[in-house]
């Protein structure tokens, strides 16, 4: 496990995950940070720079140019290793699994080897100290990069993740994660588990806006990100990507609830 310590951070820290090849959303986020005066060193990405959307090359170029700290998501690990699939943890044969074939192969063909080498060198864990507390940043889980951790996940899973991180990098007070695509903050017996959400796809709530989080003064605030969703959808159409995720950008609803636990599924979709 590769670990990078960012040292002591002061002032607002912008937390975000899953740019997902959505160059328009990343542009909007960079604009937010500039307006707020948040430097790139205090913008932390929980991984999956590349995924569902249509501008993988542009999105990677923007992230690399920005120079913000990035944790390796499963997509970076797989692309960096030259793997044939995204390693997202989708159940084989599920709608998400089938849709991933299209965008992953497109991104793998589009990205230069230099970008894949950059992905392969990303750390698995970041850590930093903020107002006397130690934070760890991971993608899905410390036990498994593509592990889905939800607000309703069994407490035993949170305990397992804390133990795994402690074994690898020492004691941490709070954990920041991504992967699952839906932001939340949960108080556990070990500290706060903070999922910053993703900026590349809406959190299945019927709105085009995506999410990021700001850690400021020890408090976490989740913020809606408005961006040019229509432009991102056009990029996907021009790339010939599957319609499901393109429709999801515009409708605000995921093309499938396969990965969601029952308590996060929409009643109308579950019954239909």
Protein backbone atom coordinates (compact mmCIF):
# COMPACT_ATOMS: atom_id res chain seq x y z
CA UNK A 1 0.00 0.00 0.00
CA UNK A 2 1.47 3.33 -1.09
CA UNK A 3 0.94 6.10 1.46
CA UNK A 4 1.60 9.82 1.09
CA UNK A 5 1.46 12.20 4.06
CA UNK A 6 0.40 15.74 3.11
CA UNK A 7 1.47 17.17 6.46
CA UNK A 8 -0.51 19.86 8.28
CA UNK A 9 -3.29 21.62 6.34
CA UNK A 10 -4.86 24.90 7.39
CA UNK A 11 -7.93 26.69 6.08
CA UNK A 12 -10.70 25.14 3.96
CA UNK A 13 -9.98 21.76 2.35
CA UNK A 14 -12.05 20.90 -0.73
CA UNK A 15 -12.83 17.18 -0.94
CA UNK A 16 -14.12 15.59 -4.13
CA UNK A 17 -14.33 12.26 -5.86
CA UNK A 18 -15.13 10.76 -9.20
CA UNK A 19 -14.50 13.34 -11.91
CA UNK A 20 -15.48 10.36 -14.11
CA UNK A 21 -14.11 11.88 -17.38
CA UNK A 22 -16.56 14.78 -16.92
CA UNK A 23 -14.40 17.73 -17.99
CA UNK A 24 -17.21 20.25 -17.58
CA UNK A 25 -17.80 19.29 -13.94
CA UNK A 26 -14.08 19.48 -13.19
CA UNK A 27 -13.90 22.93 -14.80
CA UNK A 28 -16.78 24.07 -12.58
CA UNK A 29 -15.08 22.72 -9.46
CA UNK A 30 -11.79 24.41 -10.31
CA UNK A 31 -13.75 27.65 -10.72
CA UNK A 32 -15.32 27.20 -7.28
CA UNK A 33 -11.91 26.69 -5.70
CA UNK A 34 -10.50 29.76 -7.43
CA UNK A 35 -13.43 31.88 -6.25
CA UNK A 36 -12.97 30.68 -2.68
CA UNK A 37 -9.20 31.03 -2.78
CA UNK A 38 -8.59 27.34 -2.09
CA UNK A 39 -5.19 26.29 -3.48
CA UNK A 40 -4.70 23.06 -5.39
CA UNK A 41 -2.71 21.54 -2.51
CA UNK A 42 -5.93 21.71 -0.45
CA UNK A 43 -8.14 20.10 -3.12
CA UNK A 44 -8.11 16.36 -2.48
CA UNK A 45 -9.55 13.82 -4.93
CA UNK A 46 -10.69 10.38 -3.76
CA UNK A 47 -10.03 8.79 -7.16
CA UNK A 48 -11.77 7.61 -10.32
CA UNK A 49 -10.62 10.58 -12.38
CA UNK A 50 -11.68 8.56 -15.43
CA UNK A 51 -14.93 6.64 -15.79
CA UNK A 52 -18.40 7.00 -17.31
CA UNK A 53 -18.21 10.26 -19.27
CA UNK A 54 -16.77 11.23 -22.63
CA UNK A 55 -13.63 13.30 -21.98
CA UNK A 56 -11.04 11.07 -20.27
CA UNK A 57 -8.01 12.68 -21.92
CA UNK A 58 -9.12 16.23 -21.16
CA UNK A 59 -10.09 15.38 -17.59
CA UNK A 60 -6.78 13.72 -16.79
CA UNK A 61 -4.91 16.65 -18.35
CA UNK A 62 -6.83 19.12 -16.17
CA UNK A 63 -6.21 17.14 -12.98
CA UNK A 64 -2.52 16.74 -13.74
CA UNK A 65 -2.18 20.42 -14.58
CA UNK A 66 -4.00 21.36 -11.38
CA UNK A 67 -1.57 19.26 -9.34
CA UNK A 68 -3.97 18.45 -6.50
CA UNK A 69 -3.42 15.32 -4.37
CA UNK A 70 -5.22 12.27 -5.82
CA UNK A 71 -5.80 8.84 -4.32
CA UNK A 72 -5.75 5.89 -6.69
CA UNK A 73 -9.26 4.67 -7.40
CA UNK A 74 -9.96 1.28 -8.88
CA UNK A 75 -10.17 2.87 -12.34
CA UNK A 76 -6.66 4.34 -12.02
CA UNK A 77 -5.29 1.04 -10.73
CA UNK A 78 -6.86 -0.96 -13.54
CA UNK A 79 -5.86 1.46 -16.30
CA UNK A 80 -2.38 1.79 -14.85
CA UNK A 81 -1.97 -1.99 -14.90
CA UNK A 82 -3.40 -2.39 -18.40
CA UNK A 83 -6.32 -4.46 -17.09
CA UNK A 84 -9.26 -5.28 -19.35
CA UNK A 85 -12.01 -4.04 -17.02
CA UNK A 86 -12.62 -1.23 -14.50
CA UNK A 87 -12.59 -3.39 -11.37
CA UNK A 88 -15.54 -1.39 -10.01
CA UNK A 89 -16.95 -4.23 -7.97
CA UNK A 90 -20.18 -4.50 -9.98
CA UNK A 91 -21.93 -7.85 -9.87
CA UNK A 92 -21.14 -9.80 -13.03
CA UNK A 93 -23.92 -9.44 -15.60
CA UNK A 94 -25.56 -6.50 -13.81
CA UNK A 95 -26.57 -3.38 -15.74
CA UNK A 96 -23.64 -1.44 -14.29
CA UNK A 97 -21.24 -4.23 -15.20
CA UNK A 98 -22.48 -4.33 -18.80
CA UNK A 99 -22.43 -0.53 -19.20
CA UNK A 100 -18.88 -0.36 -17.88
CA UNK A 101 -17.56 -2.32 -20.85
CA UNK A 102 -18.20 0.59 -23.21
CA UNK A 103 -16.72 3.47 -21.26
CA UNK A 104 -13.73 1.53 -19.93
CA UNK A 105 -12.59 0.32 -23.34
CA UNK A 106 -13.06 3.84 -24.75
CA UNK A 107 -10.97 5.40 -21.97
CA UNK A 108 -8.28 2.74 -22.21
CA UNK A 109 -7.87 3.37 -25.94
CA UNK A 110 -7.97 7.16 -25.59
CA UNK A 111 -5.42 7.63 -22.80
CA UNK A 112 -1.72 7.89 -23.56
CA UNK A 113 0.72 5.56 -21.82
CA UNK A 114 2.13 8.54 -19.92
CA UNK A 115 -1.29 9.15 -18.34
CA UNK A 116 -1.57 5.48 -17.42
CA UNK A 117 1.89 5.58 -15.87
CA UNK A 118 0.81 8.62 -13.82
CA UNK A 119 -2.20 6.63 -12.61
CA UNK A 120 -0.05 3.65 -11.69
CA UNK A 121 2.10 5.86 -9.48
CA UNK A 122 -0.76 7.36 -7.44
CA UNK A 123 -0.85 6.56 -3.70
CA UNK A 124 -3.46 4.22 -2.23
CA UNK A 125 -3.79 6.35 0.90
CA UNK A 126 -3.29 10.01 1.68
CA UNK A 127 -3.13 11.41 5.18
CA UNK A 128 -3.02 14.88 6.68
CA UNK A 129 -3.40 16.63 9.99
CA UNK A 130 -6.11 19.24 10.41
CA UNK A 131 -6.83 21.08 13.65
CA UNK A 132 -5.00 18.41 15.63
CA UNK A 133 -6.86 15.45 14.09
CA UNK A 134 -5.36 12.96 11.67
CA UNK A 135 -7.38 12.24 8.52
CA UNK A 136 -6.86 9.37 6.08
CA UNK A 137 -8.10 9.52 2.49
CA UNK A 138 -8.92 6.32 0.62
CA UNK A 139 -11.02 5.38 -2.39
CA UNK A 140 -13.52 2.66 -1.43
CA UNK A 141 -12.05 0.78 1.47
CA UNK A 142 -8.63 0.08 2.95
CA UNK A 143 -9.39 -3.64 2.76
CA UNK A 144 -10.53 -3.42 -0.87
CA UNK A 145 -10.23 -0.43 -3.17
CA UNK A 146 -13.62 -1.04 -4.79
CA UNK A 147 -15.51 -1.81 -1.60
CA UNK A 148 -18.89 -0.08 -1.40
CA UNK A 149 -19.34 1.58 1.99
CA UNK A 150 -22.72 3.27 2.49
CA UNK A 151 -24.21 5.20 5.38
CA UNK A 152 -26.23 2.09 6.23
CA UNK A 153 -23.32 -0.36 6.00
CA UNK A 154 -22.95 -2.67 8.99
CA UNK A 155 -20.83 -1.18 11.84
CA UNK A 156 -18.54 -4.20 11.61
CA UNK A 157 -17.40 -3.04 8.17
CA UNK A 158 -16.39 0.37 9.51
CA UNK A 159 -14.47 -1.33 12.33
CA UNK A 160 -12.71 -3.53 9.79
CA UNK A 161 -11.69 -0.53 7.69
CA UNK A 162 -10.34 1.40 10.68
CA UNK A 163 -8.34 -1.62 11.80
CA UNK A 164 -6.88 -2.11 8.33
CA UNK A 165 -5.80 1.52 8.10
CA UNK A 166 -4.30 1.50 11.60
CA UNK A 167 -2.26 -1.55 10.67
CA UNK A 168 -0.94 0.14 7.53
CA UNK A 169 -0.41 3.80 8.50
CA UNK A 170 -1.07 4.05 12.24
CA UNK A 171 -3.91 5.65 14.17
CA UNK A 172 -6.34 7.92 12.30
CA UNK A 173 -9.14 9.98 13.76
CA UNK A 174 -11.33 10.36 10.66
CA UNK A 175 -11.59 8.73 7.22
CA UNK A 176 -12.47 10.42 3.92
CA UNK A 177 -13.60 8.10 1.13
CA UNK A 178 -15.32 7.98 -2.24
CA UNK A 179 -16.30 5.25 -4.73
CA UNK A 180 -19.97 4.75 -3.87
CA UNK A 181 -21.09 8.03 -5.49
CA UNK A 182 -23.43 9.23 -2.74
CA UNK A 183 -22.07 11.70 -0.15
CA UNK A 184 -22.59 11.16 3.56
CA UNK A 185 -21.03 11.70 6.95
CA UNK A 186 -21.36 9.01 9.59
CA UNK A 187 -20.31 9.05 13.22
CA UNK A 188 -18.75 5.71 14.10
CA UNK A 189 -17.18 4.37 17.27
CA UNK A 190 -13.77 5.26 15.81
CA UNK A 191 -14.35 8.69 14.28
CA UNK A 192 -16.11 10.35 11.36
CA UNK A 193 -16.45 8.51 8.05
CA UNK A 194 -16.85 11.18 5.37
CA UNK A 195 -17.79 10.32 1.81
CA UNK A 196 -17.26 13.46 -0.26
CA UNK A 197 -19.47 12.26 -3.11
CA UNK A 198 -18.49 12.58 -6.77
CA UNK A 199 -18.52 15.48 -9.18
CA UNK A 200 -18.90 13.47 -12.37
CA UNK A 201 -22.38 12.00 -11.85
CA UNK A 202 -25.40 13.18 -9.81
CA UNK A 203 -26.17 11.26 -6.59
CA UNK A 204 -29.34 9.60 -7.89
CA UNK A 205 -31.61 12.37 -6.64
CA UNK A 206 -33.26 13.68 -9.80
CA UNK A 207 -31.06 16.78 -10.12
CA UNK A 208 -28.24 17.43 -12.54
CA UNK A 209 -26.06 18.99 -9.86
CA UNK A 210 -23.29 16.80 -8.47
CA UNK A 211 -21.56 17.04 -5.07
CA UNK A 212 -18.34 17.89 -3.34
CA UNK A 213 -17.48 18.60 0.29
CA UNK A 214 -15.59 21.28 2.19
CA UNK A 215 -13.79 20.60 5.45
CA UNK A 216 -13.62 23.92 7.28
CA UNK A 217 -13.00 24.48 10.97
CA UNK A 218 -13.49 20.80 11.73
CA UNK A 219 -16.97 20.80 10.16
CA UNK A 220 -17.88 19.13 6.87
CA UNK A 221 -20.30 20.78 4.47
CA UNK A 222 -21.69 19.06 1.38
CA UNK A 223 -22.19 21.39 -1.58
CA UNK A 224 -24.09 21.08 -4.86
CA UNK A 225 -22.02 21.66 -8.00
CA UNK A 226 -23.74 23.18 -11.03
CA UNK A 227 -21.98 22.65 -14.36
CA UNK A 228 -22.64 22.23 -18.08
CA UNK A 229 -24.30 18.81 -17.98
CA UNK A 230 -25.57 19.16 -21.53
CA UNK A 231 -22.01 19.68 -22.74
CA UNK A 232 -20.84 16.61 -20.87
CA UNK A 233 -23.70 14.60 -22.39
CA UNK A 234 -22.68 15.78 -25.87
CA UNK A 235 -19.14 14.58 -25.23
CA UNK A 236 -20.52 11.16 -24.35
CA UNK A 237 -22.69 11.04 -27.48
CA UNK A 238 -19.77 12.06 -29.69
CA UNK A 239 -17.65 9.33 -28.09
CA UNK A 240 -20.35 6.76 -28.87
CA UNK A 241 -20.74 5.75 -25.23
CA UNK A 242 -23.76 3.84 -23.89
CA UNK A 243 -26.87 5.95 -23.46
CA UNK A 244 -27.55 4.94 -19.85
CA UNK A 245 -25.04 7.17 -18.11
CA UNK A 246 -25.61 10.00 -20.58
CA UNK A 247 -29.29 9.90 -19.68
CA UNK A 248 -28.27 9.79 -16.01
CA UNK A 249 -26.34 13.06 -16.31
CA UNK A 250 -29.43 14.85 -17.60
CA UNK A 251 -32.14 13.17 -15.53
CA UNK A 252 -30.22 13.04 -12.26
CA UNK A 253 -31.02 9.34 -11.86
CA UNK A 254 -28.57 6.48 -12.29
CA UNK A 255 -29.31 4.04 -15.13
CA UNK A 256 -29.49 1.21 -12.61
CA UNK A 257 -29.82 0.70 -8.86
CA UNK A 258 -27.90 -2.58 -8.94
CA UNK A 259 -25.20 -1.46 -6.53
CA UNK A 260 -27.45 0.42 -4.10
CA UNK A 261 -28.60 -1.05 -0.79
CA UNK A 262 -32.37 -1.28 -0.42
CA UNK A 263 -32.65 1.77 1.86
CA UNK A 264 -31.17 4.03 -0.84
CA UNK A 265 -33.31 2.80 -3.71
CA UNK A 266 -36.16 4.96 -4.96
CA UNK A 267 -39.60 3.51 -4.16
CA UNK A 268 -40.96 4.34 -7.60
CA UNK A 269 -38.06 2.60 -9.35
CA UNK A 270 -38.01 -0.32 -6.95
CA UNK A 271 -41.69 -0.99 -7.56
CA UNK A 272 -41.37 -0.53 -11.31
